[in-house]
Protein backbone atom coordinates (compact mmCIF):
# COMPACT_ATOMS: atom_id res chain seq x y z
CA MET A 1 185.74 100.43 20.51
CA SER A 2 186.60 96.78 19.95
CA GLU A 3 189.27 95.59 17.52
CA ARG A 4 187.02 95.75 14.48
CA GLY A 5 183.57 96.59 15.83
CA TRP A 6 182.36 100.12 16.44
CA ASP A 7 180.31 99.31 19.56
CA LEU A 8 177.26 101.18 18.28
CA VAL A 9 174.21 100.57 20.47
CA GLY A 10 171.81 101.09 17.58
CA ALA A 11 173.93 99.19 15.04
CA PRO A 12 175.43 96.16 16.79
CA ASN A 13 176.74 94.57 13.59
CA ALA A 14 178.58 97.70 12.43
CA ARG A 15 182.26 96.95 11.97
CA ASP A 16 185.50 98.14 10.48
CA LEU A 17 187.03 95.97 7.76
CA GLY A 18 190.46 97.15 8.81
CA GLY A 19 192.99 94.49 9.72
CA LEU A 20 191.88 91.80 7.29
CA VAL A 21 194.80 90.45 5.25
CA GLY A 22 194.71 91.16 1.54
CA VAL A 23 197.05 90.72 -1.42
CA ASP A 24 200.78 90.28 -0.67
CA GLY A 25 200.05 90.16 3.06
CA ARG A 26 198.97 93.80 3.12
CA ARG A 27 196.20 94.53 5.60
CA VAL A 28 193.06 96.58 5.01
CA ARG A 29 193.63 100.02 6.51
CA PRO A 30 191.58 100.67 9.64
CA GLY A 31 188.93 103.37 9.53
CA VAL A 32 188.39 103.50 5.77
CA LEU A 33 185.67 100.88 5.13
CA ILE A 34 182.82 100.59 7.64
CA ARG A 35 179.82 98.30 7.10
CA THR A 36 176.64 99.04 9.06
CA PRO A 37 172.89 98.49 9.11
CA ALA A 38 170.62 101.48 8.41
CA LEU A 39 171.64 104.37 10.65
CA GLY A 40 168.19 105.58 11.66
CA ARG A 41 168.26 103.51 14.84
CA LEU A 42 171.54 104.97 16.16
CA ALA A 43 171.42 106.06 19.79
CA ASP A 44 172.64 109.48 20.91
CA GLU A 45 175.80 107.92 22.34
CA ASP A 46 176.57 106.38 18.94
CA LEU A 47 176.92 109.69 17.15
CA PRO A 48 180.27 110.77 18.67
CA VAL A 49 181.72 107.36 17.79
CA LEU A 50 180.72 107.75 14.16
CA ALA A 51 181.74 111.41 14.15
CA LYS A 52 185.26 110.42 15.22
CA LEU A 53 185.46 108.30 12.06
CA GLY A 54 184.41 111.30 9.98
CA PRO A 55 182.81 109.50 7.01
CA ALA A 56 183.30 111.29 3.71
CA CYS A 57 180.71 109.20 1.86
CA VAL A 58 177.74 107.06 2.86
CA VAL A 59 176.40 104.51 0.37
CA ASP A 60 172.78 103.50 0.96
CA LEU A 61 171.78 100.27 -0.81
CA ARG A 62 168.09 100.49 0.11
CA ASP A 63 165.24 101.16 -2.27
CA ARG A 64 163.21 104.32 -1.81
CA SER A 65 160.25 102.20 -0.66
CA GLU A 66 162.37 101.05 2.29
CA ILE A 67 163.78 104.47 3.08
CA VAL A 68 160.43 106.28 3.33
CA VAL A 69 159.06 103.93 6.02
CA ALA A 70 162.26 103.84 8.11
CA PRO A 71 163.61 106.40 10.57
CA PRO A 72 165.93 108.85 8.77
CA ASP A 73 169.62 108.06 9.01
CA ARG A 74 171.46 109.91 11.77
CA LEU A 75 174.67 111.15 10.21
CA PRO A 76 177.34 113.25 11.92
CA GLY A 77 178.92 115.92 9.77
CA GLU A 78 177.95 116.34 6.14
CA PRO A 79 179.09 113.26 4.24
CA THR A 80 178.09 112.77 0.64
CA VAL A 81 175.15 110.33 0.59
CA VAL A 82 174.83 108.16 -2.50
CA HIS A 83 171.75 106.00 -3.04
CA LEU A 84 172.50 102.87 -5.06
CA PRO A 85 169.41 100.71 -4.58
CA VAL A 86 169.77 96.95 -4.80
CA HIS A 87 166.16 95.92 -4.92
CA ASP A 88 164.20 93.35 -6.90
CA ALA A 89 160.65 94.56 -7.41
CA GLU A 90 159.58 91.04 -8.31
CA HIS A 91 160.79 89.61 -5.03
CA PRO A 92 159.45 90.54 -1.56
CA VAL A 93 162.46 89.59 0.55
CA PHE A 94 163.86 93.10 1.08
CA THR A 95 160.45 94.54 1.90
CA TYR A 96 159.91 91.63 4.27
CA VAL A 97 163.21 92.21 6.08
CA SER A 98 162.38 95.91 6.47
CA ALA A 99 158.94 95.05 7.82
CA VAL A 100 160.47 92.67 10.38
CA LEU A 101 163.00 95.26 11.55
CA LEU A 102 160.34 97.97 11.84
CA GLY A 103 157.84 95.75 13.64
CA HIS A 104 155.19 95.89 10.93
CA ASP A 105 152.34 93.40 10.55
CA LEU A 106 153.65 90.45 8.55
CA GLY A 107 150.23 89.26 7.40
CA ALA A 108 150.80 90.72 3.97
CA TYR A 109 153.84 88.50 3.48
CA ALA A 110 152.14 85.12 3.83
CA ALA A 111 153.15 84.14 0.31
CA LEU A 112 156.81 84.54 1.16
CA ALA A 113 156.42 82.39 4.28
CA GLU A 114 154.74 79.68 2.20
CA GLN A 115 157.54 79.81 -0.35
CA GLY A 116 160.09 79.16 2.37
CA THR A 117 162.34 82.01 3.32
CA PRO A 118 165.65 80.08 3.20
CA ALA A 119 164.95 79.28 -0.44
CA ALA A 120 163.87 82.86 -1.07
CA MET A 121 167.04 84.19 0.54
CA ALA A 122 169.26 81.87 -1.51
CA ALA A 123 167.44 83.00 -4.66
CA ILE A 124 168.03 86.66 -3.88
CA TYR A 125 171.74 86.00 -3.30
CA ARG A 126 171.92 84.41 -6.74
CA TRP A 127 170.13 87.48 -8.09
CA PHE A 128 172.84 89.67 -6.53
CA VAL A 129 175.20 88.08 -9.06
CA THR A 130 173.01 88.07 -12.18
CA GLY A 131 170.40 90.82 -11.76
CA ALA A 132 171.13 93.78 -14.03
CA SER A 133 170.17 96.44 -11.48
CA ALA A 134 172.11 94.63 -8.74
CA ARG A 135 175.22 94.46 -10.90
CA GLU A 136 174.89 98.15 -11.75
CA SER A 137 174.57 99.30 -8.13
CA PHE A 138 177.19 96.97 -6.69
CA GLY A 139 179.65 97.91 -9.43
CA ALA A 140 179.06 101.62 -8.82
CA ALA A 141 179.60 101.16 -5.08
CA VAL A 142 182.92 99.39 -5.60
CA ARG A 143 184.08 102.17 -7.92
CA LEU A 144 183.16 104.79 -5.28
CA ALA A 145 185.35 102.97 -2.76
CA ALA A 146 188.28 103.20 -5.18
CA GLU A 147 188.26 107.03 -5.01
CA ALA A 148 190.25 108.55 -2.16
CA ARG A 149 187.84 111.47 -1.83
CA ASN A 150 185.12 109.05 -0.67
CA LEU A 151 187.12 107.66 2.24
CA PRO A 152 186.27 106.87 4.96
CA LEU A 153 183.32 105.11 3.33
CA VAL A 154 180.30 103.87 5.29
CA TYR A 155 177.87 101.61 3.48
CA HIS A 156 174.62 100.01 4.56
CA CYS A 157 171.26 98.53 3.64
CA SER A 158 168.43 97.86 6.13
CA ALA A 159 169.76 95.02 8.29
CA GLY A 160 173.40 95.40 7.26
CA LYS A 161 173.88 91.73 6.44
CA ASP A 162 172.69 90.77 2.94
CA ARG A 163 173.28 93.59 0.45
CA THR A 164 175.87 95.09 2.78
CA GLY A 165 177.34 91.62 3.19
CA TRP A 166 177.64 91.04 -0.55
CA LEU A 167 179.21 94.44 -1.16
CA THR A 168 181.72 93.50 1.54
CA VAL A 169 182.44 90.26 -0.33
CA LEU A 170 183.12 92.25 -3.50
CA LEU A 171 185.41 94.77 -1.84
CA LEU A 172 187.39 92.19 0.10
CA SER A 173 187.70 89.94 -2.93
CA ALA A 174 189.08 92.81 -5.00
CA LEU A 175 191.56 93.51 -2.19
CA GLY A 176 192.77 89.91 -2.27
CA VAL A 177 191.34 88.76 1.07
CA ASP A 178 190.94 84.98 1.04
CA GLU A 179 187.52 83.36 0.86
CA ALA A 180 187.69 81.84 4.36
CA ALA A 181 188.24 85.26 5.96
CA ILE A 182 185.49 86.79 3.83
CA ARG A 183 183.08 84.03 4.87
CA ALA A 184 183.98 84.54 8.54
CA ASP A 185 183.26 88.27 8.30
CA TYR A 186 179.91 87.53 6.65
CA LEU A 187 178.89 85.03 9.34
CA ALA A 188 180.05 87.32 12.18
CA ASN A 189 176.71 89.08 11.81
CA ASN A 190 174.95 86.30 13.73
CA ALA A 191 176.89 86.58 16.98
CA LEU A 192 176.82 90.38 16.85
CA THR A 193 173.04 90.55 16.43
CA GLU A 194 171.97 87.57 18.55
CA SER A 195 170.45 89.64 21.38
CA LEU A 196 168.70 92.03 18.99
CA ARG A 197 167.37 89.13 16.93
CA GLU A 198 165.80 87.43 19.94
CA VAL A 199 164.27 90.71 21.16
CA LEU A 200 162.71 91.27 17.74
CA LEU A 201 161.33 87.73 17.56
CA GLU A 202 159.88 87.88 21.09
CA ALA A 203 158.22 91.23 20.35
CA MET A 204 156.72 89.75 17.20
CA ARG A 205 155.40 86.73 19.13
CA ARG A 206 153.61 89.07 21.53
CA ARG A 207 152.18 91.34 18.83
CA GLN A 208 151.18 88.60 16.43
CA PRO A 209 150.04 85.43 18.24
CA GLY A 210 150.30 82.41 15.99
CA LEU A 211 153.14 83.90 13.96
CA ASP A 212 155.47 81.22 12.59
CA VAL A 213 158.77 82.47 13.97
CA GLY A 214 160.53 79.72 12.04
CA ALA A 215 159.55 81.55 8.86
CA VAL A 216 161.00 84.82 10.14
CA ARG A 217 164.30 83.75 11.66
CA PRO A 218 166.00 82.95 8.30
CA VAL A 219 165.68 86.56 7.11
CA LEU A 220 167.38 87.80 10.28
CA GLU A 221 170.40 85.54 9.95
CA ALA A 222 173.44 85.28 7.74
CA ARG A 223 173.67 81.67 6.58
CA GLU A 224 176.35 79.73 4.79
CA ASP A 225 173.73 78.45 2.35
CA TYR A 226 173.08 82.01 1.19
CA PHE A 227 176.78 82.76 0.84
CA ASP A 228 177.31 79.51 -1.06
CA ALA A 229 174.36 80.24 -3.36
CA ALA A 230 175.97 83.50 -4.48
CA TYR A 231 179.43 82.00 -4.85
CA GLY A 232 177.98 79.10 -6.80
CA GLU A 233 176.26 81.52 -9.16
CA VAL A 234 179.51 83.43 -9.66
CA ARG A 235 181.28 80.24 -10.68
CA ARG A 236 178.39 79.01 -12.82
CA VAL A 237 178.07 82.24 -14.80
CA HIS A 238 181.61 83.61 -14.82
CA GLY A 239 183.91 80.76 -13.85
CA SER A 240 185.92 82.81 -11.36
CA PHE A 241 185.47 85.75 -9.02
CA GLY A 242 187.96 87.82 -11.00
CA ALA A 243 185.93 87.34 -14.17
CA TYR A 244 182.75 88.28 -12.30
CA LEU A 245 184.29 91.52 -11.05
CA ARG A 246 185.54 92.35 -14.55
CA ASP A 247 182.72 91.15 -16.79
CA GLY A 248 179.74 91.21 -14.42
CA LEU A 249 180.46 94.45 -12.59
CA GLY A 250 182.78 96.33 -14.92
CA ILE A 251 185.55 96.54 -12.32
CA THR A 252 188.63 97.17 -14.41
CA ASP A 253 192.24 96.44 -13.50
CA ASP A 254 192.68 100.19 -12.88
CA VAL A 255 189.84 100.18 -10.35
CA VAL A 256 191.31 97.14 -8.57
CA ALA A 257 194.70 98.87 -8.47
CA ALA A 258 193.15 102.02 -7.02
CA LEU A 259 191.26 100.02 -4.39
CA ARG A 260 194.47 98.33 -3.29
CA ALA A 261 196.43 101.58 -3.30
CA HIS A 262 193.91 103.45 -1.14
CA LEU A 263 192.57 100.69 1.10
CA LEU A 264 195.57 98.48 1.88
CA GLU A 265 198.47 99.37 4.15
């Protein structure tokens, strides 16, 4: 196991948030907050690693439409599984990402490619901030993390970078981690998934000759433009991140205090 990564063959961007510096110089406790992609692709050798963590709760941010077409999560033990879907039915990005990861025919997503996936991704990050269902699910997930009975907490979406990434932003912000460190954790996805990303793209080239890989790559990457789109929306709508947590997500001072008490050393 690396310093923060969990060295999971089937989830290369899984990592422990432990060690990041929060409020008053207190570090996030190791082994209490683990971000991952969907766990259906875990290899047999991954299961003992996750079992050693002993997750008490697993938060799944995927919509049911994503879950039913994906391999079932492989979970050691009997953690509580909570489904808090962050999904915009009017926007095809999440379905598109799932289709890419599962190797499905992308012909049905031509409209998204024409729209320009970087723009579509930035739009969905802004929706994370303002969408009613997104605010409800993200707020509920943060409140779950504030309860000691749910720790260690594992949380994931499909790819483990967008919805999982934004929930990580929320948790770390509430813990007082500075924006530069939060951004670095978000962008770490790219180096961790580089090999997997290229394998996926090459397989898609072979299966679908003529596929515009340039239209696919943006949905497989974490980009600063996406991060900045969400942060810009926070500031436009709420003025500050603290106000967003309070007014947008209903994260009270008591919840913030509980998060810091349970998750910081």
